[in-house]
PDB file of N, CA and C in Angstrom:
ATOM      1  N   MET A   1     136.337 150.439  95.400  1.00  0.00           N
ATOM      2  CA  MET A   1     135.091 150.758  96.018  1.00  0.00           C
ATOM      3  C   MET A   1     134.668 149.605  96.962  1.00  0.00           C
ATOM      4  N   ILE A   2     134.468 149.879  98.159  1.00  0.00           N
ATOM      5  CA  ILE A   2     134.116 148.862  99.175  1.00  0.00           C
ATOM      6  C   ILE A   2     132.528 148.898  99.362  1.00  0.00           C
ATOM      7  N   ILE A   3     131.927 147.723  99.231  1.00  0.00           N
ATOM      8  CA  ILE A   3     130.495 147.582  99.457  1.00  0.00           C
ATOM      9  C   ILE A   3     130.259 147.083 100.875  1.00  0.00           C
ATOM     10  N   LYS A   4     129.536 147.779 101.661  1.00  0.00           N
ATOM     11  CA  LYS A   4     129.224 147.387 103.011  1.00  0.00           C
ATOM     12  C   LYS A   4     127.945 146.555 103.064  1.00  0.00           C
ATOM     13  N   ARG A   5     127.979 145.472 103.767  1.00  0.00           N
ATOM     14  CA  ARG A   5     126.791 144.660 103.915  1.00  0.00           C
ATOM     15  C   ARG A   5     125.968 145.248 105.040  1.00  0.00           C
ATOM     16  N   LYS A   6     124.643 145.123 104.863  1.00  0.00           N
ATOM     17  CA  LYS A   6     123.697 145.568 105.872  1.00  0.00           C
ATOM     18  C   LYS A   6     123.839 144.747 107.076  1.00  0.00           C
ATOM     19  N   LYS A   7     123.788 145.348 108.229  1.00  0.00           N
ATOM     20  CA  LYS A   7     123.933 144.629 109.509  1.00  0.00           C
ATOM     21  C   LYS A   7     122.606 143.953 109.830  1.00  0.00           C
ATOM     22  N   GLY A   8     122.738 142.748 110.378  1.00  0.00           N
ATOM     23  CA  GLY A   8     121.548 141.982 110.812  1.00  0.00           C
ATOM     24  C   GLY A   8     120.951 141.108 109.704  1.00  0.00           C
ATOM     25  N   LYS A   9     121.535 141.232 108.535  1.00  0.00           N
ATOM     26  CA  LYS A   9     120.968 140.423 107.420  1.00  0.00           C
ATOM     27  C   LYS A   9     121.263 138.975 107.598  1.00  0.00           C
ATOM     28  N   LYS A  10     122.453 138.674 108.174  1.00  0.00           N
ATOM     29  CA  LYS A  10     122.835 137.262 108.413  1.00  0.00           C
ATOM     30  C   LYS A  10     121.879 136.550 109.349  1.00  0.00           C
ATOM     31  N   LYS A  11     121.558 137.273 110.473  1.00  0.00           N
ATOM     32  CA  LYS A  11     120.682 136.688 111.513  1.00  0.00           C
ATOM     33  C   LYS A  11     119.337 136.385 110.874  1.00  0.00           C
ATOM     34  N   GLU A  12     118.812 137.316 110.088  1.00  0.00           N
ATOM     35  CA  GLU A  12     117.478 137.062 109.462  1.00  0.00           C
ATOM     36  C   GLU A  12     117.485 135.832 108.600  1.00  0.00           C
ATOM     37  N   ASN A  13     118.545 135.721 107.813  1.00  0.00           N
ATOM     38  CA  ASN A  13     118.668 134.593 106.912  1.00  0.00           C
ATOM     39  C   ASN A  13     118.748 133.291 107.713  1.00  0.00           C
ATOM     40  N   ARG A  14     119.520 133.325 108.805  1.00  0.00           N
ATOM     41  CA  ARG A  14     119.678 132.149 109.629  1.00  0.00           C
ATOM     42  C   ARG A  14     118.316 131.719 110.223  1.00  0.00           C
ATOM     43  N   LYS A  15     117.564 132.743 110.740  1.00  0.00           N
ATOM     44  CA  LYS A  15     116.199 132.393 111.240  1.00  0.00           C
ATOM     45  C   LYS A  15     115.289 131.771 110.174  1.00  0.00           C
ATOM     46  N   LYS A  16     115.342 132.377 108.970  1.00  0.00           N
ATOM     47  CA  LYS A  16     114.508 131.794 107.849  1.00  0.00           C
ATOM     48  C   LYS A  16     114.896 130.417 107.529  1.00  0.00           C
ATOM     49  N   ASN A  17     116.194 130.133 107.484  1.00  0.00           N
ATOM     50  CA  ASN A  17     116.697 128.755 107.179  1.00  0.00           C
ATOM     51  C   ASN A  17     116.304 127.797 108.258  1.00  0.00           C
ATOM     52  N   ILE A  18     116.359 128.156 109.508  1.00  0.00           N
ATOM     53  CA  ILE A  18     115.925 127.268 110.615  1.00  0.00           C
ATOM     54  C   ILE A  18     114.456 126.986 110.481  1.00  0.00           C
ATOM     55  N   GLU A  19     113.631 128.000 110.186  1.00  0.00           N
ATOM     56  CA  GLU A  19     112.179 127.781 110.035  1.00  0.00           C
ATOM     57  C   GLU A  19     111.882 126.823 108.853  1.00  0.00           C
ATOM     58  N   LYS A  20     112.643 126.986 107.772  1.00  0.00           N
ATOM     59  CA  LYS A  20     112.462 126.104 106.637  1.00  0.00           C
ATOM     60  C   LYS A  20     112.841 124.707 106.969  1.00  0.00           C
ATOM     61  N   ARG A  21     113.871 124.521 107.686  1.00  0.00           N
ATOM     62  CA  ARG A  21     114.339 123.186 108.114  1.00  0.00           C
ATOM     63  C   ARG A  21     113.271 122.467 108.982  1.00  0.00           C
ATOM     64  N   ILE A  22     112.689 123.260 109.884  1.00  0.00           N
ATOM     65  CA  ILE A  22     111.667 122.707 110.753  1.00  0.00           C
ATOM     66  C   ILE A  22     110.422 122.303 109.967  1.00  0.00           C
ATOM     67  N   LEU A  23     110.018 123.124 108.993  1.00  0.00           N
ATOM     68  CA  LEU A  23     108.880 122.775 108.160  1.00  0.00           C
ATOM     69  C   LEU A  23     109.151 121.513 107.303  1.00  0.00           C
ATOM     70  N   LYS A  24     110.394 121.382 106.819  1.00  0.00           N
ATOM     71  CA  LYS A  24     110.749 120.186 106.001  1.00  0.00           C
ATOM     72  C   LYS A  24     110.617 118.950 106.901  1.00  0.00           C
ATOM     73  N   LYS A  25     111.113 119.041 108.147  1.00  0.00           N
ATOM     74  CA  LYS A  25     111.080 117.860 109.039  1.00  0.00           C
ATOM     75  C   LYS A  25     109.591 117.464 109.285  1.00  0.00           C
ATOM     76  N   GLU A  26     108.741 118.527 109.525  1.00  0.00           N
ATOM     77  CA  GLU A  26     107.340 118.208 109.778  1.00  0.00           C
ATOM     78  C   GLU A  26     106.643 117.565 108.594  1.00  0.00           C
ATOM     79  N   LYS A  27     106.980 118.077 107.392  1.00  0.00           N
ATOM     80  CA  LYS A  27     106.452 117.432 106.156  1.00  0.00           C
ATOM     81  C   LYS A  27     106.855 116.036 106.060  1.00  0.00           C
ATOM     82  N   LYS A  28     108.138 115.754 106.297  1.00  0.00           N
ATOM     83  CA  LYS A  28     108.671 114.383 106.202  1.00  0.00           C
ATOM     84  C   LYS A  28     107.985 113.472 107.153  1.00  0.00           C
ATOM     85  N   LYS A  29     107.723 113.943 108.437  1.00  0.00           N
ATOM     86  CA  LYS A  29     107.103 113.108 109.387  1.00  0.00           C
ATOM     87  C   LYS A  29     105.708 112.772 108.907  1.00  0.00           C
ATOM     88  N   LYS A  30     104.930 113.718 108.406  1.00  0.00           N
ATOM     89  CA  LYS A  30     103.562 113.492 107.942  1.00  0.00           C
ATOM     90  C   LYS A  30     103.584 112.497 106.788  1.00  0.00           C
ATOM     91  N   LYS A  31     104.552 112.664 105.869  1.00  0.00           N
ATOM     92  CA  LYS A  31     104.661 111.773 104.721  1.00  0.00           C
ATOM     93  C   LYS A  31     104.900 110.338 105.194  1.00  0.00           C
ATOM     94  N   ASN A  32     105.866 110.181 106.127  1.00  0.00           N
ATOM     95  CA  ASN A  32     106.172 108.863 106.677  1.00  0.00           C
ATOM     96  C   ASN A  32     104.998 108.203 107.360  1.00  0.00           C
ATOM     97  N   GLU A  33     104.229 108.999 108.121  1.00  0.00           N
ATOM     98  CA  GLU A  33     103.008 108.476 108.768  1.00  0.00           C
ATOM     99  C   GLU A  33     102.030 107.969 107.748  1.00  0.00           C
ATOM    100  N   LYS A  34     101.861 108.748 106.689  1.00  0.00           N
ATOM    101  CA  LYS A  34     100.922 108.323 105.600  1.00  0.00           C
ATOM    102  C   LYS A  34     101.385 106.993 104.978  1.00  0.00           C
ATOM    103  N   LYS A  35     102.658 106.886 104.759  1.00  0.00           N
ATOM    104  CA  LYS A  35     103.190 105.670 104.143  1.00  0.00           C
ATOM    105  C   LYS A  35     102.968 104.465 105.075  1.00  0.00           C
ATOM    106  N   LYS A  36     103.176 104.625 106.366  1.00  0.00           N
ATOM    107  CA  LYS A  36     102.972 103.610 107.351  1.00  0.00           C
ATOM    108  C   LYS A  36     101.510 103.124 107.280  1.00  0.00           C
ATOM    109  N   ILE A  37     100.621 104.145 107.296  1.00  0.00           N
ATOM    110  CA  ILE A  37      99.200 103.809 107.393  1.00  0.00           C
ATOM    111  C   ILE A  37      98.785 103.078 106.145  1.00  0.00           C
ATOM    112  N   GLU A  38      99.272 103.564 104.967  1.00  0.00           N
ATOM    113  CA  GLU A  38      98.936 102.865 103.676  1.00  0.00           C
ATOM    114  C   GLU A  38      99.452 101.453 103.749  1.00  0.00           C
ATOM    115  N   PHE A  39     100.606 101.242 104.247  1.00  0.00           N
ATOM    116  CA  PHE A  39     101.181  99.917 104.329  1.00  0.00           C
ATOM    117  C   PHE A  39     100.317  99.021 105.154  1.00  0.00           C
ATOM    118  N   TYR A  40      99.958  99.556 106.367  1.00  0.00           N
ATOM    119  CA  TYR A  40      99.077  98.732 107.257  1.00  0.00           C
ATOM    120  C   TYR A  40      97.794  98.412 106.684  1.00  0.00           C
ATOM    121  N   LEU A  41      97.150  99.366 105.952  1.00  0.00           N
ATOM    122  CA  LEU A  41      95.908  99.161 105.293  1.00  0.00           C
ATOM    123  C   LEU A  41      95.985  98.082 104.232  1.00  0.00           C
ATOM    124  N   LYS A  42      97.069  98.138 103.481  1.00  0.00           N
ATOM    125  CA  LYS A  42      97.252  97.142 102.370  1.00  0.00           C
ATOM    126  C   LYS A  42      97.381  95.756 102.954  1.00  0.00           C
ATOM    127  N   LYS A  43      98.120  95.620 104.057  1.00  0.00           N
ATOM    128  CA  LYS A  43      98.412  94.280 104.643  1.00  0.00           C
ATOM    129  C   LYS A  43      97.311  93.862 105.560  1.00  0.00           C
ATOM    130  N   ASN A  44      96.393  94.731 105.873  1.00  0.00           N
ATOM    131  CA  ASN A  44      95.361  94.478 106.918  1.00  0.00           C
ATOM    132  C   ASN A  44      96.001  93.986 108.192  1.00  0.00           C
ATOM    133  N   TRP A  45      97.104  94.644 108.555  1.00  0.00           N
ATOM    134  CA  TRP A  45      97.884  94.325 109.702  1.00  0.00           C
ATOM    135  C   TRP A  45      98.099  95.545 110.575  1.00  0.00           C
ATOM    136  N   TYR A  46      97.914  95.464 111.818  1.00  0.00           N
ATOM    137  CA  TYR A  46      98.038  96.654 112.671  1.00  0.00           C
ATOM    138  C   TYR A  46      99.112  96.373 113.704  1.00  0.00           C
ATOM    139  N   PRO A  47      99.915  97.444 114.005  1.00  0.00           N
ATOM    140  CA  PRO A  47     100.971  97.249 114.971  1.00  0.00           C
ATOM    141  C   PRO A  47     100.383  97.114 116.392  1.00  0.00           C
ATOM    142  N   VAL A  48     100.903  96.282 117.165  1.00  0.00           N
ATOM    143  CA  VAL A  48     100.391  96.082 118.509  1.00  0.00           C
ATOM    144  C   VAL A  48     101.031  97.129 119.463  1.00  0.00           C
ATOM    145  N   CYS A  49     102.221  97.604 119.058  1.00  0.00           N
ATOM    146  CA  CYS A  49     102.958  98.510 119.929  1.00  0.00           C
ATOM    147  C   CYS A  49     102.307  99.907 119.912  1.00  0.00           C
ATOM    148  N   GLY A  50     101.547 100.254 120.905  1.00  0.00           N
ATOM    149  CA  GLY A  50     101.082 101.629 121.058  1.00  0.00           C
ATOM    150  C   GLY A  50      99.675 101.785 120.418  1.00  0.00           C
ATOM    151  N   TYR A  51      98.801 102.454 121.225  1.00  0.00           N
ATOM    152  CA  TYR A  51      97.470 102.662 120.749  1.00  0.00           C
ATOM    153  C   TYR A  51      97.462 103.889 119.725  1.00  0.00           C
ATOM    154  N   LYS A  52      98.439 104.724 119.828  1.00  0.00           N
ATOM    155  CA  LYS A  52      98.393 105.917 118.947  1.00  0.00           C
ATOM    156  C   LYS A  52      98.388 105.567 117.490  1.00  0.00           C
ATOM    157  N   GLN A  53      99.292 104.636 117.096  1.00  0.00           N
ATOM    158  CA  GLN A  53      99.332 104.232 115.667  1.00  0.00           C
ATOM    159  C   GLN A  53      98.038 103.569 115.271  1.00  0.00           C
ATOM    160  N   LEU A  54      97.522 102.703 116.092  1.00  0.00           N
ATOM    161  CA  LEU A  54      96.283 101.971 115.774  1.00  0.00           C
ATOM    162  C   LEU A  54      95.110 102.967 115.642  1.00  0.00           C
ATOM    163  N   ASN A  55      95.076 103.999 116.527  1.00  0.00           N
ATOM    164  CA  ASN A  55      93.986 105.004 116.441  1.00  0.00           C
ATOM    165  C   ASN A  55      94.161 105.792 115.125  1.00  0.00           C
ATOM    166  N   ILE A  56      95.356 106.103 114.760  1.00  0.00           N
ATOM    167  CA  ILE A  56      95.527 106.841 113.520  1.00  0.00           C
ATOM    168  C   ILE A  56      95.025 106.020 112.311  1.00  0.00           C
ATOM    169  N   ILE A  57      95.387 104.773 112.319  1.00  0.00           N
ATOM    170  CA  ILE A  57      94.972 103.869 111.199  1.00  0.00           C
ATOM    171  C   ILE A  57      93.449 103.752 111.175  1.00  0.00           C
ATOM    172  N   LEU A  58      92.882 103.515 112.314  1.00  0.00           N
ATOM    173  CA  LEU A  58      91.398 103.403 112.397  1.00  0.00           C
ATOM    174  C   LEU A  58      90.739 104.665 111.961  1.00  0.00           C
ATOM    175  N   PHE A  59      91.318 105.811 112.330  1.00  0.00           N
ATOM    176  CA  PHE A  59      90.746 107.145 111.941  1.00  0.00           C
ATOM    177  C   PHE A  59      90.730 107.244 110.396  1.00  0.00           C
ATOM    178  N   PHE A  60      91.824 106.858 109.782  1.00  0.00           N
ATOM    179  CA  PHE A  60      91.905 106.999 108.317  1.00  0.00           C
ATOM    180  C   PHE A  60      90.985 105.994 107.643  1.00  0.00           C
ATOM    181  N   MET A  61      90.881 104.744 108.223  1.00  0.00           N
ATOM    182  CA  MET A  61      89.953 103.842 107.666  1.00  0.00           C
ATOM    183  C   MET A  61      88.537 104.317 107.640  1.00  0.00           C
ATOM    184  N   PHE A  62      88.057 104.898 108.806  1.00  0.00           N
ATOM    185  CA  PHE A  62      86.720 105.394 108.841  1.00  0.00           C
ATOM    186  C   PHE A  62      86.541 106.605 107.924  1.00  0.00           C
ATOM    187  N   LYS A  63      87.659 107.413 107.855  1.00  0.00           N
ATOM    188  CA  LYS A  63      87.554 108.563 106.962  1.00  0.00           C
ATOM    189  C   LYS A  63      87.357 108.142 105.500  1.00  0.00           C
ATOM    190  N   GLU A  64      88.103 107.115 105.101  1.00  0.00           N
ATOM    191  CA  GLU A  64      87.988 106.596 103.745  1.00  0.00           C
ATOM    192  C   GLU A  64      86.604 106.031 103.481  1.00  0.00           C
ATOM    193  N   LYS A  65      86.077 105.289 104.495  1.00  0.00           N
ATOM    194  CA  LYS A  65      84.692 104.691 104.343  1.00  0.00           C
ATOM    195  C   LYS A  65      83.663 105.834 104.212  1.00  0.00           C
ATOM    196  N   GLU A  66      83.833 106.915 104.957  1.00  0.00           N
ATOM    197  CA  GLU A  66      82.874 108.037 104.877  1.00  0.00           C
ATOM    198  C   GLU A  66      82.970 108.651 103.516  1.00  0.00           C
ATOM    199  N   GLU A  67      84.210 108.842 103.009  1.00  0.00           N
ATOM    200  CA  GLU A  67      84.374 109.435 101.634  1.00  0.00           C
ATOM    201  C   GLU A  67      83.742 108.538 100.618  1.00  0.00           C
ATOM    202  N   GLU A  68      83.892 107.208 100.716  1.00  0.00           N
ATOM    203  CA  GLU A  68      83.257 106.304  99.759  1.00  0.00           C
ATOM    204  C   GLU A  68      81.715 106.395  99.772  1.00  0.00           C
ATOM    205  N   GLN A  69      81.159 106.494 100.986  1.00  0.00           N
ATOM    206  CA  GLN A  69      79.719 106.603 101.151  1.00  0.00           C
ATOM    207  C   GLN A  69      79.225 107.911 100.540  1.00  0.00           C
ATOM    208  N   GLU A  70      79.984 109.028 100.697  1.00  0.00           N
ATOM    209  CA  GLU A  70      79.578 110.277 100.151  1.00  0.00           C
ATOM    210  C   GLU A  70      79.648 110.177  98.600  1.00  0.00           C
ATOM    211  N   GLU A  71      80.633 109.539  98.050  1.00  0.00           N
ATOM    212  CA  GLU A  71      80.740 109.387  96.611  1.00  0.00           C
ATOM    213  C   GLU A  71      79.577 108.560  96.089  1.00  0.00           C
ATOM    214  N   GLU A  72      79.196 107.519  96.804  1.00  0.00           N
ATOM    215  CA  GLU A  72      78.031 106.686  96.338  1.00  0.00           C
ATOM    216  C   GLU A  72      76.797 107.469  96.403  1.00  0.00           C
ATOM    217  N   GLU A  73      76.609 108.314  97.456  1.00  0.00           N
ATOM    218  CA  GLU A  73      75.383 109.130  97.540  1.00  0.00           C
ATOM    219  C   GLU A  73      75.323 110.144  96.405  1.00  0.00           C
ATOM    220  N   GLN A  74      76.477 110.695  96.038  1.00  0.00           N
ATOM    221  CA  GLN A  74      76.525 111.658  94.966  1.00  0.00           C
ATOM    222  C   GLN A  74      76.187 110.952  93.620  1.00  0.00           C
ATOM    223  N   GLU A  75      76.683 109.700  93.428  1.00  0.00           N
ATOM    224  CA  GLU A  75      76.357 109.021  92.196  1.00  0.00           C
ATOM    225  C   GLU A  75      74.884 108.700  92.086  1.00  0.00           C
ATOM    226  N   GLU A  76      74.282 108.332  93.221  1.00  0.00           N
ATOM    227  CA  GLU A  76      72.847 108.015  93.246  1.00  0.00           C
ATOM    228  C   GLU A  76      72.024 109.234  92.812  1.00  0.00           C
ATOM    229  N   GLU A  77      72.445 110.422  93.278  1.00  0.00           N
ATOM    230  CA  GLU A  77      71.709 111.661  92.930  1.00  0.00           C
ATOM    231  C   GLU A  77      71.882 111.977  91.465  1.00  0.00           C
TER     232      GLU A  77
END
């Protein structure tokens, strides 16, 4: 008995795999950026090369400060 495979199944799987691969790469990039930022914050050292990295770091610094202020306000209440 011969079982026939449905046509077009391979293409669908290939598309799904490509999408998964792209998502994995994006996650990895975000994770690496977070690690860099945490490293810079720990060392209190900022890269001179490029304003983009510095802006990202400053953004996260202000974000953390805002979160700390919110926590303090909640504790006071």
